[in-house]
Amino acid sequence: MNAVTDNAEAKATAAAEPGKYLSIMDPATERGLMELLEKIAPLLQGRRFHNLVDLASLASDGVDMFDDAMIQKLMKAYEESIGAAWTLGNAARYSAAQIATSDAPPSLFGLLRLAGNEDVRRGLHFALTFLSVLGRQMKDDAVE
């Protein structure tokens, strides 16, 4: 007989006598397999197990699509985002420590004196430019 016929016969035998193939396993494996089948029975009956298979297929397709260039781009984006978060966190901690040591908030003229500092002006320029871009995007979103 050929392999297709043998395989079909094996499947028919397995369907007719499911215990036959379980008997070749040791008792611990058989017990574990039966417990697993009991746990996934609701998933199989509700056809929710199909969703898990689809999710695994999607992950597999994603892995197949990722080439070295895409992985390098993702790594670079991750490193840049972590670096930005680190920088913002450090700036916030440093600013909070400086403000904690001051007795009272600066006056309006004190704030104007702070604006004489080049670093303050650079930070204000960044913040105002950021807010300008954010406002432009909000306006564009409202038009759509």
N, C-alpha and C. Protein backbone atom coordinates (compact mmCIF):
# COMPACT_ATOMS: atom_id res chain seq x y z
N MET A 1 0.84 -1.18 0.00
CA MET A 1 0.00 0.00 0.00
C MET A 1 0.88 1.24 0.00
N ASN A 2 0.28 2.35 -0.42
CA ASN A 2 1.07 3.56 -0.44
C ASN A 2 0.90 4.35 0.86
N ALA A 3 1.66 5.45 0.99
CA ALA A 3 1.67 6.22 2.23
C ALA A 3 0.33 6.90 2.49
N VAL A 4 -0.35 7.34 1.44
CA VAL A 4 -1.64 8.02 1.61
C VAL A 4 -2.67 7.05 2.19
N THR A 5 -2.71 5.83 1.66
CA THR A 5 -3.66 4.84 2.15
C THR A 5 -3.33 4.45 3.58
N ASP A 6 -2.03 4.26 3.87
CA ASP A 6 -1.62 3.91 5.23
C ASP A 6 -2.01 5.01 6.21
N ASN A 7 -1.80 6.27 5.82
CA ASN A 7 -2.13 7.40 6.67
C ASN A 7 -3.64 7.47 6.90
N ALA A 8 -4.43 7.26 5.87
CA ALA A 8 -5.89 7.29 6.01
C ALA A 8 -6.36 6.18 6.94
N GLU A 9 -5.75 5.00 6.80
CA GLU A 9 -6.12 3.89 7.68
C GLU A 9 -5.73 4.18 9.12
N ALA A 10 -4.57 4.79 9.32
CA ALA A 10 -4.13 5.13 10.67
C ALA A 10 -5.08 6.14 11.31
N LYS A 11 -5.55 7.11 10.52
CA LYS A 11 -6.49 8.09 11.05
C LYS A 11 -7.82 7.44 11.39
N ALA A 12 -8.27 6.54 10.55
CA ALA A 12 -9.53 5.86 10.81
C ALA A 12 -9.41 5.01 12.07
N THR A 13 -8.29 4.34 12.25
CA THR A 13 -8.07 3.52 13.43
C THR A 13 -8.00 4.40 14.67
N ALA A 14 -7.32 5.54 14.57
CA ALA A 14 -7.19 6.44 15.71
C ALA A 14 -8.55 7.00 16.11
N ALA A 15 -9.40 7.29 15.12
CA ALA A 15 -10.73 7.80 15.43
C ALA A 15 -11.59 6.73 16.07
N ALA A 16 -11.45 5.48 15.60
CA ALA A 16 -12.27 4.39 16.14
C ALA A 16 -11.77 3.94 17.50
N GLU A 17 -10.47 3.98 17.71
CA GLU A 17 -9.88 3.50 18.96
C GLU A 17 -8.92 4.55 19.54
N PRO A 18 -9.44 5.66 20.12
CA PRO A 18 -8.55 6.70 20.62
C PRO A 18 -7.68 6.23 21.78
N GLY A 19 -8.15 5.29 22.55
CA GLY A 19 -7.37 4.80 23.69
C GLY A 19 -6.15 4.01 23.27
N LYS A 20 -6.14 3.47 22.06
CA LYS A 20 -5.02 2.65 21.60
C LYS A 20 -3.73 3.47 21.57
N TYR A 21 -3.81 4.72 21.08
CA TYR A 21 -2.61 5.54 20.97
C TYR A 21 -2.22 6.14 22.32
N LEU A 22 -3.19 6.33 23.20
CA LEU A 22 -2.85 6.82 24.52
C LEU A 22 -2.17 5.75 25.35
N SER A 23 -2.43 4.49 25.03
CA SER A 23 -1.86 3.40 25.83
C SER A 23 -0.35 3.25 25.62
N ILE A 24 0.19 3.82 24.53
CA ILE A 24 1.63 3.70 24.32
C ILE A 24 2.39 4.69 25.19
N MET A 25 1.71 5.68 25.73
CA MET A 25 2.35 6.68 26.57
C MET A 25 2.45 6.18 28.00
N ASP A 26 3.41 6.75 28.72
CA ASP A 26 3.49 6.39 30.13
C ASP A 26 2.32 7.05 30.87
N PRO A 27 1.95 6.56 32.04
CA PRO A 27 0.75 7.06 32.74
C PRO A 27 0.80 8.55 33.06
N ALA A 28 1.97 9.07 33.40
CA ALA A 28 2.07 10.50 33.73
C ALA A 28 1.78 11.36 32.51
N THR A 29 2.30 10.98 31.36
CA THR A 29 2.05 11.72 30.12
C THR A 29 0.58 11.64 29.74
N GLU A 30 0.01 10.45 29.86
CA GLU A 30 -1.40 10.27 29.53
C GLU A 30 -2.28 11.13 30.44
N ARG A 31 -1.96 11.12 31.75
CA ARG A 31 -2.72 11.90 32.71
C ARG A 31 -2.59 13.40 32.39
N GLY A 32 -1.39 13.85 32.07
CA GLY A 32 -1.17 15.26 31.72
C GLY A 32 -1.91 15.66 30.47
N LEU A 33 -1.91 14.77 29.47
CA LEU A 33 -2.62 15.06 28.23
C LEU A 33 -4.13 15.12 28.46
N MET A 34 -4.65 14.24 29.27
CA MET A 34 -6.09 14.25 29.56
C MET A 34 -6.47 15.53 30.32
N GLU A 35 -5.63 15.97 31.27
CA GLU A 35 -5.90 17.20 32.00
C GLU A 35 -5.87 18.40 31.05
N LEU A 36 -4.93 18.40 30.13
CA LEU A 36 -4.84 19.48 29.14
C LEU A 36 -6.07 19.51 28.26
N LEU A 37 -6.51 18.35 27.81
CA LEU A 37 -7.72 18.28 26.97
C LEU A 37 -8.95 18.75 27.73
N GLU A 38 -9.03 18.44 29.03
CA GLU A 38 -10.16 18.91 29.83
C GLU A 38 -10.15 20.43 29.94
N LYS A 39 -8.96 21.01 30.07
CA LYS A 39 -8.86 22.46 30.20
C LYS A 39 -9.20 23.18 28.90
N ILE A 40 -8.79 22.62 27.77
CA ILE A 40 -9.03 23.33 26.50
C ILE A 40 -10.36 22.95 25.86
N ALA A 41 -11.09 22.01 26.47
CA ALA A 41 -12.38 21.59 25.90
C ALA A 41 -13.33 22.77 25.71
N PRO A 42 -13.49 23.68 26.70
CA PRO A 42 -14.40 24.83 26.46
C PRO A 42 -13.93 25.70 25.30
N LEU A 43 -12.61 25.86 25.15
CA LEU A 43 -12.10 26.65 24.03
C LEU A 43 -12.41 25.98 22.70
N LEU A 44 -12.28 24.67 22.67
CA LEU A 44 -12.58 23.95 21.44
C LEU A 44 -14.07 23.97 21.13
N GLN A 45 -14.89 23.78 22.15
CA GLN A 45 -16.34 23.74 21.94
C GLN A 45 -16.88 25.10 21.53
N GLY A 46 -16.33 26.16 22.09
CA GLY A 46 -16.78 27.51 21.74
C GLY A 46 -16.08 28.09 20.54
N ARG A 47 -15.24 27.30 19.91
CA ARG A 47 -14.47 27.71 18.74
C ARG A 47 -13.58 28.92 19.03
N ARG A 48 -13.22 29.10 20.32
CA ARG A 48 -12.32 30.19 20.68
C ARG A 48 -10.87 29.77 20.50
N PHE A 49 -10.62 28.49 20.47
CA PHE A 49 -9.27 27.99 20.24
C PHE A 49 -8.77 28.43 18.86
N HIS A 50 -9.71 28.59 17.94
CA HIS A 50 -9.37 29.05 16.60
C HIS A 50 -8.72 30.44 16.66
N ASN A 51 -9.19 31.27 17.60
CA ASN A 51 -8.62 32.60 17.75
C ASN A 51 -7.16 32.51 18.17
N LEU A 52 -6.84 31.58 19.06
CA LEU A 52 -5.45 31.41 19.48
C LEU A 52 -4.58 30.94 18.31
N VAL A 53 -5.11 30.06 17.51
CA VAL A 53 -4.38 29.59 16.33
C VAL A 53 -4.17 30.74 15.36
N ASP A 54 -5.20 31.57 15.17
CA ASP A 54 -5.07 32.73 14.28
C ASP A 54 -4.03 33.71 14.81
N LEU A 55 -4.01 33.91 16.13
CA LEU A 55 -3.02 34.80 16.73
C LEU A 55 -1.60 34.27 16.55
N ALA A 56 -1.43 32.98 16.73
CA ALA A 56 -0.12 32.36 16.51
C ALA A 56 0.29 32.50 15.04
N SER A 57 -0.67 32.34 14.14
CA SER A 57 -0.39 32.50 12.72
C SER A 57 0.02 33.93 12.40
N LEU A 58 -0.66 34.89 13.00
CA LEU A 58 -0.31 36.30 12.80
C LEU A 58 1.10 36.60 13.30
N ALA A 59 1.43 36.08 14.47
CA ALA A 59 2.78 36.28 15.01
C ALA A 59 3.82 35.64 14.10
N SER A 60 3.51 34.47 13.59
CA SER A 60 4.43 33.78 12.69
C SER A 60 4.63 34.58 11.40
N ASP A 61 3.55 35.12 10.86
CA ASP A 61 3.66 35.95 9.65
C ASP A 61 4.51 37.18 9.92
N GLY A 62 4.33 37.77 11.10
CA GLY A 62 5.14 38.94 11.46
C GLY A 62 6.61 38.62 11.53
N VAL A 63 6.93 37.47 12.10
CA VAL A 63 8.33 37.06 12.18
C VAL A 63 8.89 36.81 10.78
N ASP A 64 8.07 36.22 9.91
CA ASP A 64 8.52 35.98 8.54
C ASP A 64 8.76 37.29 7.78
N MET A 65 7.94 38.32 8.05
CA MET A 65 8.06 39.58 7.34
C MET A 65 9.26 40.40 7.81
N PHE A 66 9.66 40.25 9.06
CA PHE A 66 10.75 41.06 9.60
C PHE A 66 12.06 40.63 8.97
N ASP A 67 12.66 41.55 8.26
CA ASP A 67 14.00 41.31 7.77
C ASP A 67 14.96 42.12 8.64
N ASP A 68 16.24 42.03 8.34
CA ASP A 68 17.24 42.69 9.17
C ASP A 68 17.05 44.20 9.18
N ALA A 69 16.71 44.78 8.04
CA ALA A 69 16.54 46.23 7.97
C ALA A 69 15.39 46.70 8.86
N MET A 70 14.28 45.95 8.87
CA MET A 70 13.14 46.34 9.70
C MET A 70 13.48 46.20 11.18
N ILE A 71 14.19 45.17 11.53
CA ILE A 71 14.58 44.99 12.92
C ILE A 71 15.49 46.12 13.36
N GLN A 72 16.42 46.53 12.49
CA GLN A 72 17.32 47.64 12.81
C GLN A 72 16.53 48.93 13.01
N LYS A 73 15.53 49.18 12.16
CA LYS A 73 14.69 50.38 12.30
C LYS A 73 13.93 50.36 13.61
N LEU A 74 13.36 49.19 13.95
CA LEU A 74 12.62 49.08 15.20
C LEU A 74 13.54 49.29 16.41
N MET A 75 14.74 48.73 16.33
CA MET A 75 15.70 48.90 17.43
C MET A 75 16.09 50.37 17.58
N LYS A 76 16.31 51.06 16.47
CA LYS A 76 16.68 52.46 16.52
C LYS A 76 15.55 53.29 17.12
N ALA A 77 14.32 53.03 16.68
CA ALA A 77 13.17 53.77 17.22
C ALA A 77 13.02 53.51 18.72
N TYR A 78 13.23 52.27 19.13
CA TYR A 78 13.14 51.93 20.55
C TYR A 78 14.21 52.67 21.35
N GLU A 79 15.45 52.65 20.85
CA GLU A 79 16.54 53.33 21.56
C GLU A 79 16.30 54.83 21.64
N GLU A 80 15.80 55.43 20.57
CA GLU A 80 15.53 56.87 20.58
C GLU A 80 14.41 57.22 21.56
N SER A 81 13.37 56.39 21.61
CA SER A 81 12.27 56.68 22.53
C SER A 81 12.71 56.50 23.98
N ILE A 82 13.53 55.49 24.24
CA ILE A 82 14.04 55.31 25.61
C ILE A 82 14.94 56.47 25.98
N GLY A 83 15.78 56.92 25.04
CA GLY A 83 16.66 58.06 25.30
C GLY A 83 15.87 59.33 25.58
N ALA A 84 14.80 59.55 24.83
CA ALA A 84 13.97 60.74 25.05
C ALA A 84 13.28 60.66 26.41
N ALA A 85 12.77 59.51 26.76
CA ALA A 85 12.12 59.34 28.06
C ALA A 85 13.12 59.56 29.20
N TRP A 86 14.33 59.05 29.03
CA TRP A 86 15.38 59.22 30.04
C TRP A 86 15.73 60.70 30.21
N THR A 87 15.88 61.40 29.09
CA THR A 87 16.21 62.82 29.13
C THR A 87 15.11 63.62 29.81
N LEU A 88 13.86 63.36 29.45
CA LEU A 88 12.74 64.07 30.08
C LEU A 88 12.66 63.77 31.58
N GLY A 89 12.89 62.51 31.95
CA GLY A 89 12.86 62.15 33.36
C GLY A 89 13.96 62.84 34.15
N ASN A 90 15.16 62.88 33.58
CA ASN A 90 16.26 63.56 34.27
C ASN A 90 15.99 65.05 34.40
N ALA A 91 15.49 65.68 33.34
CA ALA A 91 15.19 67.11 33.38
C ALA A 91 14.12 67.40 34.43
N ALA A 92 13.10 66.56 34.49
CA ALA A 92 12.04 66.76 35.48
C ALA A 92 12.56 66.60 36.90
N ARG A 93 13.39 65.59 37.15
CA ARG A 93 13.96 65.39 38.49
C ARG A 93 14.86 66.56 38.89
N TYR A 94 15.70 67.00 37.96
CA TYR A 94 16.62 68.11 38.23
C TYR A 94 15.84 69.38 38.52
N SER A 95 14.82 69.67 37.71
CA SER A 95 14.01 70.87 37.90
C SER A 95 13.26 70.80 39.23
N ALA A 96 12.73 69.64 39.54
CA ALA A 96 11.99 69.48 40.81
C ALA A 96 12.93 69.71 42.00
N ALA A 97 14.17 69.22 41.90
CA ALA A 97 15.13 69.42 42.98
C ALA A 97 15.49 70.89 43.13
N GLN A 98 15.65 71.61 42.02
CA GLN A 98 15.98 73.03 42.08
C GLN A 98 14.82 73.83 42.67
N ILE A 99 13.60 73.51 42.27
CA ILE A 99 12.44 74.24 42.77
C ILE A 99 12.24 73.95 44.25
N ALA A 100 12.55 72.74 44.69
CA ALA A 100 12.36 72.37 46.10
C ALA A 100 13.29 73.18 47.01
N THR A 101 14.42 73.60 46.49
CA THR A 101 15.37 74.36 47.33
C THR A 101 15.02 75.84 47.39
N SER A 102 14.18 76.34 46.48
CA SER A 102 13.84 77.77 46.52
C SER A 102 12.75 78.01 47.56
N ASP A 103 12.81 79.19 48.14
CA ASP A 103 11.86 79.53 49.22
C ASP A 103 10.48 79.86 48.68
N ALA A 104 10.44 80.73 47.65
CA ALA A 104 9.16 81.18 47.11
C ALA A 104 9.24 81.15 45.59
N PRO A 105 8.12 81.09 44.93
CA PRO A 105 8.16 81.13 43.47
C PRO A 105 8.69 82.49 43.01
N PRO A 106 9.37 82.51 41.88
CA PRO A 106 9.93 83.79 41.42
C PRO A 106 8.83 84.77 41.02
N SER A 107 9.17 86.04 41.15
CA SER A 107 8.22 87.08 40.73
C SER A 107 8.21 87.16 39.21
N LEU A 108 7.34 88.00 38.70
CA LEU A 108 7.26 88.17 37.26
C LEU A 108 8.59 88.69 36.71
N PHE A 109 9.19 89.62 37.42
CA PHE A 109 10.49 90.13 36.98
C PHE A 109 11.58 89.07 37.15
N GLY A 110 11.43 88.22 38.16
CA GLY A 110 12.37 87.11 38.33
C GLY A 110 12.30 86.15 37.16
N LEU A 111 11.09 85.92 36.67
CA LEU A 111 10.93 85.06 35.49
C LEU A 111 11.55 85.70 34.26
N LEU A 112 11.39 87.02 34.13
CA LEU A 112 12.01 87.73 33.00
C LEU A 112 13.54 87.66 33.09
N ARG A 113 14.07 87.74 34.33
CA ARG A 113 15.53 87.59 34.50
C ARG A 113 15.98 86.19 34.08
N LEU A 114 15.14 85.17 34.41
CA LEU A 114 15.46 83.81 33.99
C LEU A 114 15.50 83.70 32.47
N ALA A 115 14.67 84.47 31.79
CA ALA A 115 14.64 84.43 30.33
C ALA A 115 15.94 84.96 29.73
N GLY A 116 16.75 85.62 30.53
CA GLY A 116 18.06 86.07 30.05
C GLY A 116 19.04 84.92 29.88
N ASN A 117 18.75 83.79 30.51
CA ASN A 117 19.62 82.61 30.41
C ASN A 117 19.38 81.93 29.05
N GLU A 118 20.47 81.64 28.35
CA GLU A 118 20.37 81.04 27.02
C GLU A 118 19.67 79.67 27.06
N ASP A 119 19.95 78.87 28.09
CA ASP A 119 19.31 77.55 28.20
C ASP A 119 17.80 77.68 28.40
N VAL A 120 17.38 78.68 29.17
CA VAL A 120 15.95 78.90 29.39
C VAL A 120 15.29 79.29 28.07
N ARG A 121 15.93 80.19 27.34
CA ARG A 121 15.36 80.60 26.05
C ARG A 121 15.29 79.42 25.09
N ARG A 122 16.30 78.57 25.09
CA ARG A 122 16.30 77.39 24.22
C ARG A 122 15.15 76.46 24.60
N GLY A 123 14.94 76.24 25.88
CA GLY A 123 13.84 75.40 26.35
C GLY A 123 12.49 76.00 26.02
N LEU A 124 12.36 77.33 26.20
CA LEU A 124 11.11 78.00 25.85
C LEU A 124 10.84 77.91 24.36
N HIS A 125 11.88 78.07 23.57
CA HIS A 125 11.72 77.98 22.11
C HIS A 125 11.24 76.58 21.73
N PHE A 126 11.84 75.55 22.33
CA PHE A 126 11.41 74.17 22.06
C PHE A 126 9.95 73.98 22.46
N ALA A 127 9.61 74.43 23.68
CA ALA A 127 8.24 74.23 24.17
C ALA A 127 7.22 74.96 23.30
N LEU A 128 7.53 76.19 22.92
CA LEU A 128 6.59 76.96 22.09
C LEU A 128 6.47 76.36 20.69
N THR A 129 7.59 75.88 20.13
CA THR A 129 7.54 75.23 18.82
C THR A 129 6.74 73.94 18.90
N PHE A 130 6.95 73.18 19.95
CA PHE A 130 6.20 71.94 20.16
C PHE A 130 4.71 72.24 20.24
N LEU A 131 4.34 73.26 21.02
CA LEU A 131 2.93 73.60 21.16
C LEU A 131 2.35 74.11 19.85
N SER A 132 3.16 74.80 19.05
CA SER A 132 2.70 75.27 17.74
C SER A 132 2.38 74.10 16.82
N VAL A 133 3.27 73.11 16.78
CA VAL A 133 3.04 71.93 15.94
C VAL A 133 1.83 71.16 16.45
N LEU A 134 1.71 71.03 17.76
CA LEU A 134 0.56 70.33 18.34
C LEU A 134 -0.74 71.05 17.98
N GLY A 135 -0.75 72.37 18.08
CA GLY A 135 -1.94 73.14 17.72
C GLY A 135 -2.29 73.01 16.25
N ARG A 136 -1.26 72.99 15.39
CA ARG A 136 -1.49 72.84 13.95
C ARG A 136 -2.12 71.48 13.67
N GLN A 137 -1.62 70.44 14.33
CA GLN A 137 -2.18 69.09 14.12
C GLN A 137 -3.61 69.01 14.64
N MET A 138 -3.89 69.68 15.73
CA MET A 138 -5.26 69.68 16.26
C MET A 138 -6.19 70.39 15.30
N LYS A 139 -5.73 71.49 14.68
CA LYS A 139 -6.54 72.22 13.73
C LYS A 139 -6.80 71.34 12.50
N ASP A 140 -5.75 70.63 12.02
CA ASP A 140 -5.90 69.75 10.87
C ASP A 140 -6.85 68.60 11.17
N ASP A 141 -6.81 68.08 12.40
CA ASP A 141 -7.72 67.00 12.78
C ASP A 141 -9.16 67.47 12.81
N ALA A 142 -9.38 68.74 13.21
CA ALA A 142 -10.73 69.27 13.30
C ALA A 142 -11.33 69.47 11.90
N VAL A 143 -10.47 69.78 10.90
CA VAL A 143 -10.93 69.98 9.54
C VAL A 143 -11.41 68.68 8.93
N GLU A 144 -10.73 67.59 9.22
CA GLU A 144 -11.07 66.28 8.64
C GLU A 144 -12.33 65.81 9.26
